[in-house]
Amino acid sequence: MRKDIDHLPEVQRAELERAKQILMAEFEVAISRATQPWKKNGRILKIILFGSYARSDWVDRPLNGYQSDFDLLIIVSHPKLTDIAEYWHVADDKMARDPAIERQVNFIVHTMDDVNQSLNRGEYFWVDIARDGIALYELPGSTFVMPKPLTPTDAYEMASAYFTSWMGKVNDAIEIAEFCVAKNKLNDAAFLLHQATERAYISFLLVRTHYFPRSHNIKFLRSLAEGKDSRLIDAWPREAKIDRRRFELLKRAYVEARYSTNYEISVEDLEAITARVHALRDLVGLVCQERLAYLSENARHDIGGNSRGA
């Protein structure tokens, strides 16, 4: 695995260094008063940059409303240390507020066993990280296993099942959201449109990578999905302030539309957001069907080749 980030501009290298410092410092604070051995001896084994900044295809156009996020994988020494709310929420908040970090920093936390089991299954998301990721920090001896290839037939069957299940959930959420708008239950509609958006990105990520992070942050999910297929960017225009505001309204809806008396959304905003969720659903359907056709063709050739060789 690579360790250098010399391909990045100096400002981005400095931001990543600052993000790494915050993550490591706040983790030390989180485990500092531990008595249980697994927690007291807890370690960060790796911090890995993946995604567009690792691949060198990031976008940096903040004035147009589009700037790629940093995506980090943190490998820890015990499964309980992957709990975001318990060990990582302070670091997440500090990175979001730090003036020295201009980009959004997204991160996922797993154990080495998690990752190596996924590599043994040949799951695309993890294979891509093992191939393209850049280690910003790692302890000696913390190595990934060699990925095992997923058979074309298994890849197609898994992706097809994911698509059928999750796209059905997308359509259900949209249908119920539109019913709530008709009944003037606007906050409920906003929450359900958030769910439709979340499910659409999950559907795409599962079809494309066989993985999605356990996150309700649709901006994070959007970043991961758009990093895999830039056509999905068209679902959410972000040049105009009103479009960015509406996406933020939708992002906030997961918590605030249910629990905050201060959350308000208009019918006009809901109608505009609904149109964008429809656009996202259709784009996800298009790119997933293309992916499934590709996987199906690979599986057909695999079966044919095995039959001829038998």
C-alpha atoms as a PDB file:
ATOM      1  CA  MET A   1       0.000   0.000   0.000  1.00  0.00           C
ATOM      2  CA  ARG A   2       1.245   3.470  -0.890  1.00  0.00           C
ATOM      3  CA  LYS A   3       2.232   5.896   1.862  1.00  0.00           C
ATOM      4  CA  ASP A   4       2.925   9.122  -0.012  1.00  0.00           C
ATOM      5  CA  ILE A   5       0.441  11.882  -0.852  1.00  0.00           C
ATOM      6  CA  ASP A   6       2.849  13.919  -2.955  1.00  0.00           C
ATOM      7  CA  HIS A   7       0.304  13.986  -5.781  1.00  0.00           C
ATOM      8  CA  LEU A   8      -1.923  16.284  -3.687  1.00  0.00           C
ATOM      9  CA  PRO A   9      -1.513  20.068  -3.483  1.00  0.00           C
ATOM     10  CA  GLU A  10       0.130  21.345  -0.313  1.00  0.00           C
ATOM     11  CA  VAL A  11      -3.134  22.731   1.094  1.00  0.00           C
ATOM     12  CA  GLN A  12      -4.780  19.315   0.892  1.00  0.00           C
ATOM     13  CA  ARG A  13      -1.780  17.558   2.414  1.00  0.00           C
ATOM     14  CA  ALA A  14      -1.924  20.001   5.319  1.00  0.00           C
ATOM     15  CA  GLU A  15      -5.653  19.399   5.787  1.00  0.00           C
ATOM     16  CA  LEU A  16      -5.155  15.649   5.880  1.00  0.00           C
ATOM     17  CA  GLU A  17      -2.346  15.986   8.409  1.00  0.00           C
ATOM     18  CA  ARG A  18      -4.586  18.125  10.602  1.00  0.00           C
ATOM     19  CA  ALA A  19      -7.448  15.622  10.295  1.00  0.00           C
ATOM     20  CA  LYS A  20      -5.096  12.775  11.258  1.00  0.00           C
ATOM     21  CA  GLN A  21      -3.877  14.715  14.307  1.00  0.00           C
ATOM     22  CA  ILE A  22      -7.441  15.343  15.484  1.00  0.00           C
ATOM     23  CA  LEU A  23      -8.508  11.734  15.007  1.00  0.00           C
ATOM     24  CA  MET A  24      -5.556  10.342  16.899  1.00  0.00           C
ATOM     25  CA  ALA A  25      -5.662  12.908  19.696  1.00  0.00           C
ATOM     26  CA  GLU A  26      -9.387  12.517  20.345  1.00  0.00           C
ATOM     27  CA  PHE A  27      -9.123   8.732  20.251  1.00  0.00           C
ATOM     28  CA  GLU A  28      -6.468   8.897  22.960  1.00  0.00           C
ATOM     29  CA  VAL A  29      -8.764  11.072  25.045  1.00  0.00           C
ATOM     30  CA  ALA A  30     -11.680   8.675  24.519  1.00  0.00           C
ATOM     31  CA  ILE A  31      -9.730   5.683  25.882  1.00  0.00           C
ATOM     32  CA  SER A  32      -7.618   7.564  28.447  1.00  0.00           C
ATOM     33  CA  ARG A  33      -9.615   6.523  31.520  1.00  0.00           C
ATOM     34  CA  ALA A  34     -10.260   2.958  30.462  1.00  0.00           C
ATOM     35  CA  THR A  35      -9.936   0.036  32.836  1.00  0.00           C
ATOM     36  CA  GLN A  36     -10.949  -2.821  30.532  1.00  0.00           C
ATOM     37  CA  PRO A  37      -7.849  -4.275  28.797  1.00  0.00           C
ATOM     38  CA  TRP A  38      -9.360  -4.132  25.285  1.00  0.00           C
ATOM     39  CA  LYS A  39     -10.043  -0.426  25.730  1.00  0.00           C
ATOM     40  CA  LYS A  40      -6.988   0.524  27.771  1.00  0.00           C
ATOM     41  CA  ASN A  41      -4.768  -1.114  25.160  1.00  0.00           C
ATOM     42  CA  GLY A  42      -6.852   0.144  22.250  1.00  0.00           C
ATOM     43  CA  ARG A  43      -4.935   1.207  19.172  1.00  0.00           C
ATOM     44  CA  ILE A  44      -5.448   2.820  15.822  1.00  0.00           C
ATOM     45  CA  LEU A  45      -3.735   0.386  13.486  1.00  0.00           C
ATOM     46  CA  LYS A  46      -4.180   2.309  10.240  1.00  0.00           C
ATOM     47  CA  ILE A  47      -5.617   5.513   8.836  1.00  0.00           C
ATOM     48  CA  ILE A  48      -6.107   5.151   5.093  1.00  0.00           C
ATOM     49  CA  LEU A  49      -7.098   7.749   2.521  1.00  0.00           C
ATOM     50  CA  PHE A  50      -9.347   6.265  -0.141  1.00  0.00           C
ATOM     51  CA  GLY A  51     -11.663   7.563  -2.824  1.00  0.00           C
ATOM     52  CA  SER A  52     -11.059  10.430  -5.235  1.00  0.00           C
ATOM     53  CA  TYR A  53      -8.088  11.993  -3.431  1.00  0.00           C
ATOM     54  CA  ALA A  54      -6.308   8.653  -3.432  1.00  0.00           C
ATOM     55  CA  ARG A  55      -7.168   8.022  -7.087  1.00  0.00           C
ATOM     56  CA  SER A  56      -6.317  11.605  -8.194  1.00  0.00           C
ATOM     57  CA  ASP A  57      -9.749  12.291  -9.722  1.00  0.00           C
ATOM     58  CA  TRP A  58     -11.082  14.676  -7.080  1.00  0.00           C
ATOM     59  CA  VAL A  59     -13.104  17.794  -7.915  1.00  0.00           C
ATOM     60  CA  ASP A  60     -12.265  21.111  -6.260  1.00  0.00           C
ATOM     61  CA  ARG A  61     -14.749  23.761  -7.390  1.00  0.00           C
ATOM     62  CA  PRO A  62     -16.085  25.276  -4.142  1.00  0.00           C
ATOM     63  CA  LEU A  63     -17.433  28.393  -5.881  1.00  0.00           C
ATOM     64  CA  ASN A  64     -19.689  26.167  -8.005  1.00  0.00           C
ATOM     65  CA  GLY A  65     -20.871  24.258  -4.951  1.00  0.00           C
ATOM     66  CA  TYR A  66     -18.920  21.091  -5.677  1.00  0.00           C
ATOM     67  CA  GLN A  67     -15.860  19.950  -3.776  1.00  0.00           C
ATOM     68  CA  SER A  68     -14.874  16.340  -3.242  1.00  0.00           C
ATOM     69  CA  ASP A  69     -14.801  15.130   0.359  1.00  0.00           C
ATOM     70  CA  PHE A  70     -11.897  13.388   2.022  1.00  0.00           C
ATOM     71  CA  ASP A  71     -12.732   9.713   2.690  1.00  0.00           C
ATOM     72  CA  LEU A  72     -10.788   7.920   5.419  1.00  0.00           C
ATOM     73  CA  LEU A  73     -10.780   4.347   6.692  1.00  0.00           C
ATOM     74  CA  ILE A  74      -9.706   3.920  10.317  1.00  0.00           C
ATOM     75  CA  ILE A  75      -8.629   0.443  11.419  1.00  0.00           C
ATOM     76  CA  VAL A  76      -8.804  -0.193  15.171  1.00  0.00           C
ATOM     77  CA  SER A  77      -7.757  -3.037  17.451  1.00  0.00           C
ATOM     78  CA  HIS A  78     -11.148  -4.075  18.876  1.00  0.00           C
ATOM     79  CA  PRO A  79     -14.728  -4.245  17.509  1.00  0.00           C
ATOM     80  CA  LYS A  80     -16.140  -2.077  20.311  1.00  0.00           C
ATOM     81  CA  LEU A  81     -13.804   0.748  19.295  1.00  0.00           C
ATOM     82  CA  THR A  82     -15.690   1.090  16.003  1.00  0.00           C
ATOM     83  CA  ASP A  83     -18.624   2.714  17.822  1.00  0.00           C
ATOM     84  CA  ILE A  84     -18.812   6.190  16.271  1.00  0.00           C
ATOM     85  CA  ALA A  85     -21.000   7.717  18.985  1.00  0.00           C
ATOM     86  CA  GLU A  86     -18.794   6.415  21.787  1.00  0.00           C
ATOM     87  CA  TYR A  87     -15.295   7.043  20.464  1.00  0.00           C
ATOM     88  CA  TRP A  88     -15.359   9.251  17.372  1.00  0.00           C
ATOM     89  CA  HIS A  89     -18.120  11.856  17.570  1.00  0.00           C
ATOM     90  CA  VAL A  90     -15.899  14.522  19.174  1.00  0.00           C
ATOM     91  CA  ALA A  91     -13.248  14.129  16.483  1.00  0.00           C
ATOM     92  CA  ASP A  92     -15.945  14.291  13.806  1.00  0.00           C
ATOM     93  CA  ASP A  93     -17.305  17.527  15.250  1.00  0.00           C
ATOM     94  CA  LYS A  94     -13.853  19.084  15.668  1.00  0.00           C
ATOM     95  CA  MET A  95     -12.872  18.336  12.059  1.00  0.00           C
ATOM     96  CA  ALA A  96     -16.122  19.874  10.817  1.00  0.00           C
ATOM     97  CA  ARG A  97     -15.423  23.068  12.791  1.00  0.00           C
ATOM     98  CA  ASP A  98     -11.667  23.339  12.311  1.00  0.00           C
ATOM     99  CA  PRO A  99     -10.827  26.368  10.106  1.00  0.00           C
ATOM    100  CA  ALA A 100      -7.672  24.606   8.903  1.00  0.00           C
ATOM    101  CA  ILE A 101      -9.776  21.898   7.197  1.00  0.00           C
ATOM    102  CA  GLU A 102     -11.751  23.301   4.269  1.00  0.00           C
ATOM    103  CA  ARG A 103     -13.141  20.009   2.971  1.00  0.00           C
ATOM    104  CA  GLN A 104     -15.645  17.661   4.554  1.00  0.00           C
ATOM    105  CA  VAL A 105     -13.900  14.690   6.179  1.00  0.00           C
ATOM    106  CA  ASN A 106     -15.859  11.431   6.077  1.00  0.00           C
ATOM    107  CA  PHE A 107     -14.578   8.353   7.827  1.00  0.00           C
ATOM    108  CA  ILE A 108     -15.531   4.761   8.523  1.00  0.00           C
ATOM    109  CA  VAL A 109     -14.133   2.635  11.345  1.00  0.00           C
ATOM    110  CA  HIS A 110     -13.533  -1.120  11.150  1.00  0.00           C
ATOM    111  CA  THR A 111     -11.287  -3.782  12.619  1.00  0.00           C
ATOM    112  CA  MET A 112      -8.589  -5.577  10.670  1.00  0.00           C
ATOM    113  CA  ASP A 113     -10.659  -8.761  10.888  1.00  0.00           C
ATOM    114  CA  ASP A 114     -13.636  -6.963   9.295  1.00  0.00           C
ATOM    115  CA  VAL A 115     -11.558  -5.792   6.370  1.00  0.00           C
ATOM    116  CA  ASN A 116      -9.639  -9.030   5.861  1.00  0.00           C
ATOM    117  CA  GLN A 117     -12.837 -11.101   5.907  1.00  0.00           C
ATOM    118  CA  SER A 118     -14.301  -8.804   3.253  1.00  0.00           C
ATOM    119  CA  LEU A 119     -11.113  -9.085   1.181  1.00  0.00           C
ATOM    120  CA  ASN A 120     -11.348 -12.873   1.462  1.00  0.00           C
ATOM    121  CA  ARG A 121     -14.862 -12.595   0.024  1.00  0.00           C
ATOM    122  CA  GLY A 122     -13.570 -10.393  -2.801  1.00  0.00           C
ATOM    123  CA  GLU A 123     -15.925  -7.498  -2.024  1.00  0.00           C
ATOM    124  CA  TYR A 124     -15.193  -4.712  -4.478  1.00  0.00           C
ATOM    125  CA  PHE A 125     -15.234  -1.816  -2.010  1.00  0.00           C
ATOM    126  CA  TRP A 126     -12.434  -3.308   0.060  1.00  0.00           C
ATOM    127  CA  VAL A 127     -10.470  -4.592  -2.912  1.00  0.00           C
ATOM    128  CA  ASP A 128     -10.459  -1.036  -4.306  1.00  0.00           C
ATOM    129  CA  ILE A 129      -9.159   0.339  -0.991  1.00  0.00           C
ATOM    130  CA  ALA A 130      -6.444  -2.317  -0.770  1.00  0.00           C
ATOM    131  CA  ARG A 131      -5.398  -1.463  -4.324  1.00  0.00           C
ATOM    132  CA  ASP A 132      -5.755   2.343  -4.394  1.00  0.00           C
ATOM    133  CA  GLY A 133      -5.687   3.441  -0.742  1.00  0.00           C
ATOM    134  CA  ILE A 134      -2.868   5.462   0.793  1.00  0.00           C
ATOM    135  CA  ALA A 135      -1.772   4.832   4.381  1.00  0.00           C
ATOM    136  CA  LEU A 136      -1.553   8.139   6.243  1.00  0.00           C
ATOM    137  CA  TYR A 137      -0.612   6.224   9.388  1.00  0.00           C
ATOM    138  CA  GLU A 138      -0.031   2.573  10.218  1.00  0.00           C
ATOM    139  CA  LEU A 139       1.519   0.475  12.950  1.00  0.00           C
ATOM    140  CA  PRO A 140       4.127  -2.088  11.903  1.00  0.00           C
ATOM    141  CA  GLY A 141       2.690  -5.513  11.200  1.00  0.00           C
ATOM    142  CA  SER A 142      -0.830  -4.340  10.405  1.00  0.00           C
ATOM    143  CA  THR A 143      -1.277  -5.783   6.943  1.00  0.00           C
ATOM    144  CA  PHE A 144      -4.218  -6.729   4.769  1.00  0.00           C
ATOM    145  CA  VAL A 145      -4.616 -10.212   3.342  1.00  0.00           C
ATOM    146  CA  MET A 146      -4.341 -10.737  -0.396  1.00  0.00           C
ATOM    147  CA  PRO A 147      -7.819 -10.206  -1.881  1.00  0.00           C
ATOM    148  CA  LYS A 148      -9.559 -13.267  -3.271  1.00  0.00           C
ATOM    149  CA  PRO A 149     -11.521 -12.727  -6.474  1.00  0.00           C
ATOM    150  CA  LEU A 150     -15.301 -12.891  -6.275  1.00  0.00           C
ATOM    151  CA  THR A 151     -16.672 -15.232  -8.918  1.00  0.00           C
ATOM    152  CA  PRO A 152     -18.598 -13.435 -11.690  1.00  0.00           C
ATOM    153  CA  THR A 153     -21.702 -15.485 -10.935  1.00  0.00           C
ATOM    154  CA  ASP A 154     -21.633 -14.633  -7.232  1.00  0.00           C
ATOM    155  CA  ALA A 155     -21.004 -10.961  -8.030  1.00  0.00           C
ATOM    156  CA  TYR A 156     -24.033 -10.818 -10.313  1.00  0.00           C
ATOM    157  CA  GLU A 157     -26.365 -12.718  -7.977  1.00  0.00           C
ATOM    158  CA  MET A 158     -25.414 -10.568  -4.990  1.00  0.00           C
ATOM    159  CA  ALA A 159     -25.789  -7.304  -6.880  1.00  0.00           C
ATOM    160  CA  SER A 160     -29.095  -8.337  -8.432  1.00  0.00           C
ATOM    161  CA  ALA A 161     -30.588  -9.258  -5.063  1.00  0.00           C
ATOM    162  CA  TYR A 162     -29.395  -5.991  -3.521  1.00  0.00           C
ATOM    163  CA  PHE A 163     -30.922  -3.960  -6.351  1.00  0.00           C
ATOM    164  CA  THR A 164     -34.316  -5.641  -6.204  1.00  0.00           C
ATOM    165  CA  SER A 165     -34.564  -5.281  -2.433  1.00  0.00           C
ATOM    166  CA  TRP A 166     -33.324  -1.727  -2.005  1.00  0.00           C
ATOM    167  CA  MET A 167     -34.972  -0.116  -5.012  1.00  0.00           C
ATOM    168  CA  GLY A 168     -38.279  -1.475  -3.765  1.00  0.00           C
ATOM    169  CA  LYS A 169     -37.582   0.331  -0.485  1.00  0.00           C
ATOM    170  CA  VAL A 170     -36.787   3.554  -2.360  1.00  0.00           C
ATOM    171  CA  ASN A 171     -40.131   3.464  -4.147  1.00  0.00           C
ATOM    172  CA  ASP A 172     -41.991   2.685  -0.923  1.00  0.00           C
ATOM    173  CA  ALA A 173     -40.473   5.712   0.823  1.00  0.00           C
ATOM    174  CA  ILE A 174     -41.292   8.036  -2.082  1.00  0.00           C
ATOM    175  CA  GLU A 175     -44.876   6.807  -2.242  1.00  0.00           C
ATOM    176  CA  ILE A 176     -45.474   7.299   1.482  1.00  0.00           C
ATOM    177  CA  ALA A 177     -43.751  10.713   1.410  1.00  0.00           C
ATOM    178  CA  GLU A 178     -46.094  11.899  -1.336  1.00  0.00           C
ATOM    179  CA  PHE A 179     -49.061  10.661   0.709  1.00  0.00           C
ATOM    180  CA  CYS A 180     -47.779  12.684   3.682  1.00  0.00           C
ATOM    181  CA  VAL A 181     -47.518  15.828   1.554  1.00  0.00           C
ATOM    182  CA  ALA A 182     -51.124  15.362   0.459  1.00  0.00           C
ATOM    183  CA  LYS A 183     -52.129  15.067   4.138  1.00  0.00           C
ATOM    184  CA  ASN A 184     -50.051  18.182   5.017  1.00  0.00           C
ATOM    185  CA  LYS A 185     -47.716  16.149   7.229  1.00  0.00           C
ATOM    186  CA  LEU A 186     -44.707  18.018   5.910  1.00  0.00           C
ATOM    187  CA  ASN A 187     -42.069  16.983   8.441  1.00  0.00           C
ATOM    188  CA  ASP A 188     -42.993  13.331   8.020  1.00  0.00           C
ATOM    189  CA  ALA A 189     -42.678  13.781   4.269  1.00  0.00           C
ATOM    190  CA  ALA A 190     -39.220  15.336   4.676  1.00  0.00           C
ATOM    191  CA  PHE A 191     -38.034  12.404   6.810  1.00  0.00           C
ATOM    192  CA  LEU A 192     -39.351   9.885   4.285  1.00  0.00           C
ATOM    193  CA  LEU A 193     -37.692  11.698   1.379  1.00  0.00           C
ATOM    194  CA  HIS A 194     -34.459  11.509   3.355  1.00  0.00           C
ATOM    195  CA  GLN A 195     -35.039   7.760   3.682  1.00  0.00           C
ATOM    196  CA  ALA A 196     -35.690   7.427  -0.049  1.00  0.00           C
ATOM    197  CA  THR A 197     -32.417   9.263  -0.763  1.00  0.00           C
ATOM    198  CA  GLU A 198     -30.455   7.181   1.723  1.00  0.00           C
ATOM    199  CA  ARG A 199     -31.880   3.965   0.296  1.00  0.00           C
ATOM    200  CA  ALA A 200     -31.134   5.006  -3.282  1.00  0.00           C
ATOM    201  CA  TYR A 201     -27.472   5.561  -2.454  1.00  0.00           C
ATOM    202  CA  ILE A 202     -27.345   2.293  -0.517  1.00  0.00           C
ATOM    203  CA  SER A 203     -28.812   0.489  -3.514  1.00  0.00           C
ATOM    204  CA  PHE A 204     -26.159   1.934  -5.806  1.00  0.00           C
ATOM    205  CA  LEU A 205     -23.268   1.284  -3.423  1.00  0.00           C
ATOM    206  CA  LEU A 206     -24.308  -2.315  -2.842  1.00  0.00           C
ATOM    207  CA  VAL A 207     -24.666  -3.007  -6.556  1.00  0.00           C
ATOM    208  CA  ARG A 208     -21.401  -1.277  -7.375  1.00  0.00           C
ATOM    209  CA  THR A 209     -19.235  -2.202  -4.359  1.00  0.00           C
ATOM    210  CA  HIS A 210     -21.171  -4.718  -2.178  1.00  0.00           C
ATOM    211  CA  TYR A 211     -20.716  -2.348   0.779  1.00  0.00           C
ATOM    212  CA  PHE A 212     -22.267   0.720   2.336  1.00  0.00           C
ATOM    213  CA  PRO A 213     -21.281   2.526   5.540  1.00  0.00           C
ATOM    214  CA  ARG A 214     -23.742   2.359   8.440  1.00  0.00           C
ATOM    215  CA  SER A 215     -24.427   6.057   8.207  1.00  0.00           C
ATOM    216  CA  HIS A 216     -27.574   8.147   7.827  1.00  0.00           C
ATOM    217  CA  ASN A 217     -25.522  11.084   6.565  1.00  0.00           C
ATOM    218  CA  ILE A 218     -26.754  11.426   2.999  1.00  0.00           C
ATOM    219  CA  LYS A 219     -23.955  13.862   2.154  1.00  0.00           C
ATOM    220  CA  PHE A 220     -21.428  11.150   3.014  1.00  0.00           C
ATOM    221  CA  LEU A 221     -23.382   8.541   1.046  1.00  0.00           C
ATOM    222  CA  ARG A 222     -23.696  10.975  -1.864  1.00  0.00           C
ATOM    223  CA  SER A 223     -19.941  11.567  -1.840  1.00  0.00           C
ATOM    224  CA  LEU A 224     -19.151   7.836  -1.931  1.00  0.00           C
ATOM    225  CA  ALA A 225     -21.679   7.169  -4.690  1.00  0.00           C
ATOM    226  CA  GLU A 226     -20.669  10.099  -6.877  1.00  0.00           C
ATOM    227  CA  GLY A 227     -17.050   9.045  -6.481  1.00  0.00           C
ATOM    228  CA  LYS A 228     -17.952   5.748  -8.148  1.00  0.00           C
ATOM    229  CA  ASP A 229     -20.146   7.199 -10.928  1.00  0.00           C
ATOM    230  CA  SER A 230     -20.064  10.931 -11.654  1.00  0.00           C
ATOM    231  CA  ARG A 231     -23.389  10.784 -13.518  1.00  0.00           C
ATOM    232  CA  LEU A 232     -25.095  10.738 -10.129  1.00  0.00           C
ATOM    233  CA  ILE A 233     -23.937  14.335  -9.581  1.00  0.00           C
ATOM    234  CA  ASP A 234     -26.769  15.446 -11.902  1.00  0.00           C
ATOM    235  CA  ALA A 235     -29.380  14.384  -9.336  1.00  0.00           C
ATOM    236  CA  TRP A 236     -28.497  17.262  -7.013  1.00  0.00           C
ATOM    237  CA  PRO A 237     -27.676  20.590  -8.694  1.00  0.00           C
ATOM    238  CA  ARG A 238     -25.518  22.626  -6.333  1.00  0.00           C
ATOM    239  CA  GLU A 239     -24.535  25.747  -8.253  1.00  0.00           C
ATOM    240  CA  ALA A 240     -27.504  27.733  -6.880  1.00  0.00           C
ATOM    241  CA  LYS A 241     -27.761  28.562  -3.183  1.00  0.00           C
ATOM    242  CA  ILE A 242     -31.412  27.440  -3.039  1.00  0.00           C
ATOM    243  CA  ASP A 243     -30.482  23.960  -4.287  1.00  0.00           C
ATOM    244  CA  ARG A 244     -27.739  23.621  -1.678  1.00  0.00           C
ATOM    245  CA  ARG A 245     -30.130  24.856   1.018  1.00  0.00           C
ATOM    246  CA  ARG A 246     -32.744  22.278   0.044  1.00  0.00           C
ATOM    247  CA  PHE A 247     -30.248  19.426   0.191  1.00  0.00           C
ATOM    248  CA  GLU A 248     -29.217  20.590   3.672  1.00  0.00           C
ATOM    249  CA  LEU A 249     -32.894  20.654   4.681  1.00  0.00           C
ATOM    250  CA  LEU A 250     -33.172  17.065   3.519  1.00  0.00           C
ATOM    251  CA  LYS A 251     -29.952  16.062   5.293  1.00  0.00           C
ATOM    252  CA  ARG A 252     -31.194  17.560   8.571  1.00  0.00           C
ATOM    253  CA  ALA A 253     -34.562  15.851   8.238  1.00  0.00           C
ATOM    254  CA  TYR A 254     -33.318  12.480   9.505  1.00  0.00           C
ATOM    255  CA  VAL A 255     -33.179  13.804  13.064  1.00  0.00           C
ATOM    256  CA  GLU A 256     -34.779  17.226  13.123  1.00  0.00           C
ATOM    257  CA  ALA A 257     -37.943  16.495  11.146  1.00  0.00           C
ATOM    258  CA  ARG A 258     -38.842  13.922  13.783  1.00  0.00           C
ATOM    259  CA  TYR A 259     -37.590  15.470  16.988  1.00  0.00           C
ATOM    260  CA  SER A 260     -37.092  19.225  16.667  1.00  0.00           C
ATOM    261  CA  THR A 261     -39.942  21.720  17.004  1.00  0.00           C
ATOM    262  CA  ASN A 262     -37.754  24.238  15.146  1.00  0.00           C
ATOM    263  CA  TYR A 263     -37.581  22.232  11.915  1.00  0.00           C
ATOM    264  CA  GLU A 264     -39.760  23.748   9.209  1.00  0.00           C
ATOM    265  CA  ILE A 265     -40.109  22.930   5.537  1.00  0.00           C
ATOM    266  CA  SER A 266     -42.493  24.363   2.974  1.00  0.00           C
ATOM    267  CA  VAL A 267     -44.610  22.580   0.401  1.00  0.00           C
ATOM    268  CA  GLU A 268     -42.597  24.356  -2.293  1.00  0.00           C
ATOM    269  CA  ASP A 269     -39.337  23.005  -0.887  1.00  0.00           C
ATOM    270  CA  LEU A 270     -40.810  19.512  -0.567  1.00  0.00           C
ATOM    271  CA  GLU A 271     -42.018  19.549  -4.163  1.00  0.00           C
ATOM    272  CA  ALA A 272     -38.563  20.599  -5.383  1.00  0.00           C
ATOM    273  CA  ILE A 273     -36.849  17.979  -3.211  1.00  0.00           C
ATOM    274  CA  THR A 274     -39.303  15.311  -4.363  1.00  0.00           C
ATOM    275  CA  ALA A 275     -38.396  16.071  -7.981  1.00  0.00           C
ATOM    276  CA  ARG A 276     -34.704  15.657  -7.171  1.00  0.00           C
ATOM    277  CA  VAL A 277     -35.328  12.383  -5.312  1.00  0.00           C
ATOM    278  CA  HIS A 278     -37.204  11.105  -8.365  1.00  0.00           C
ATOM    279  CA  ALA A 279     -34.231  12.133 -10.516  1.00  0.00           C
ATOM    280  CA  LEU A 280     -31.840  10.342  -8.167  1.00  0.00           C
ATOM    281  CA  ARG A 281     -34.001   7.202  -8.172  1.00  0.00           C
ATOM    282  CA  ASP A 282     -34.054   7.169 -11.973  1.00  0.00           C
ATOM    283  CA  LEU A 283     -30.310   7.767 -12.299  1.00  0.00           C
ATOM    284  CA  VAL A 284     -29.533   5.057  -9.763  1.00  0.00           C
ATOM    285  CA  GLY A 285     -31.827   2.710 -11.666  1.00  0.00           C
ATOM    286  CA  LEU A 286     -30.029   3.494 -14.921  1.00  0.00           C
ATOM    287  CA  VAL A 287     -26.470   3.033 -13.672  1.00  0.00           C
ATOM    288  CA  CYS A 288     -27.380  -0.050 -11.644  1.00  0.00           C
ATOM    289  CA  GLN A 289     -29.056  -1.699 -14.630  1.00  0.00           C
ATOM    290  CA  GLU A 290     -25.917  -1.023 -16.673  1.00  0.00           C
ATOM    291  CA  ARG A 291     -23.808  -2.545 -13.924  1.00  0.00           C
ATOM    292  CA  LEU A 292     -26.063  -5.583 -13.657  1.00  0.00           C
ATOM    293  CA  ALA A 293     -25.921  -6.100 -17.424  1.00  0.00           C
ATOM    294  CA  TYR A 294     -22.116  -6.010 -17.250  1.00  0.00           C
ATOM    295  CA  LEU A 295     -22.036  -8.458 -14.336  1.00  0.00           C
ATOM    296  CA  SER A 296     -24.552 -10.731 -16.039  1.00  0.00           C
ATOM    297  CA  GLU A 297     -22.442 -10.876 -19.180  1.00  0.00           C
ATOM    298  CA  ASN A 298     -19.354 -11.709 -17.124  1.00  0.00           C
ATOM    299  CA  ALA A 299     -21.273 -14.455 -15.324  1.00  0.00           C
ATOM    300  CA  ARG A 300     -22.539 -15.882 -18.614  1.00  0.00           C
ATOM    301  CA  HIS A 301     -19.034 -16.089 -20.014  1.00  0.00           C
ATOM    302  CA  ASP A 302     -17.759 -17.574 -16.762  1.00  0.00           C
ATOM    303  CA  ILE A 303     -20.371 -20.328 -16.852  1.00  0.00           C
ATOM    304  CA  GLY A 304     -19.751 -20.948 -20.521  1.00  0.00           C
ATOM    305  CA  GLY A 305     -16.001 -21.127 -20.009  1.00  0.00           C
ATOM    306  CA  ASN A 306     -16.380 -23.516 -17.090  1.00  0.00           C
ATOM    307  CA  SER A 307     -18.766 -25.677 -19.117  1.00  0.00           C
ATOM    308  CA  ARG A 308     -16.401 -25.849 -22.019  1.00  0.00           C
ATOM    309  CA  GLY A 309     -13.561 -26.734 -19.729  1.00  0.00           C
ATOM    310  CA  ALA A 310     -15.508 -29.427 -17.904  1.00  0.00           C
END
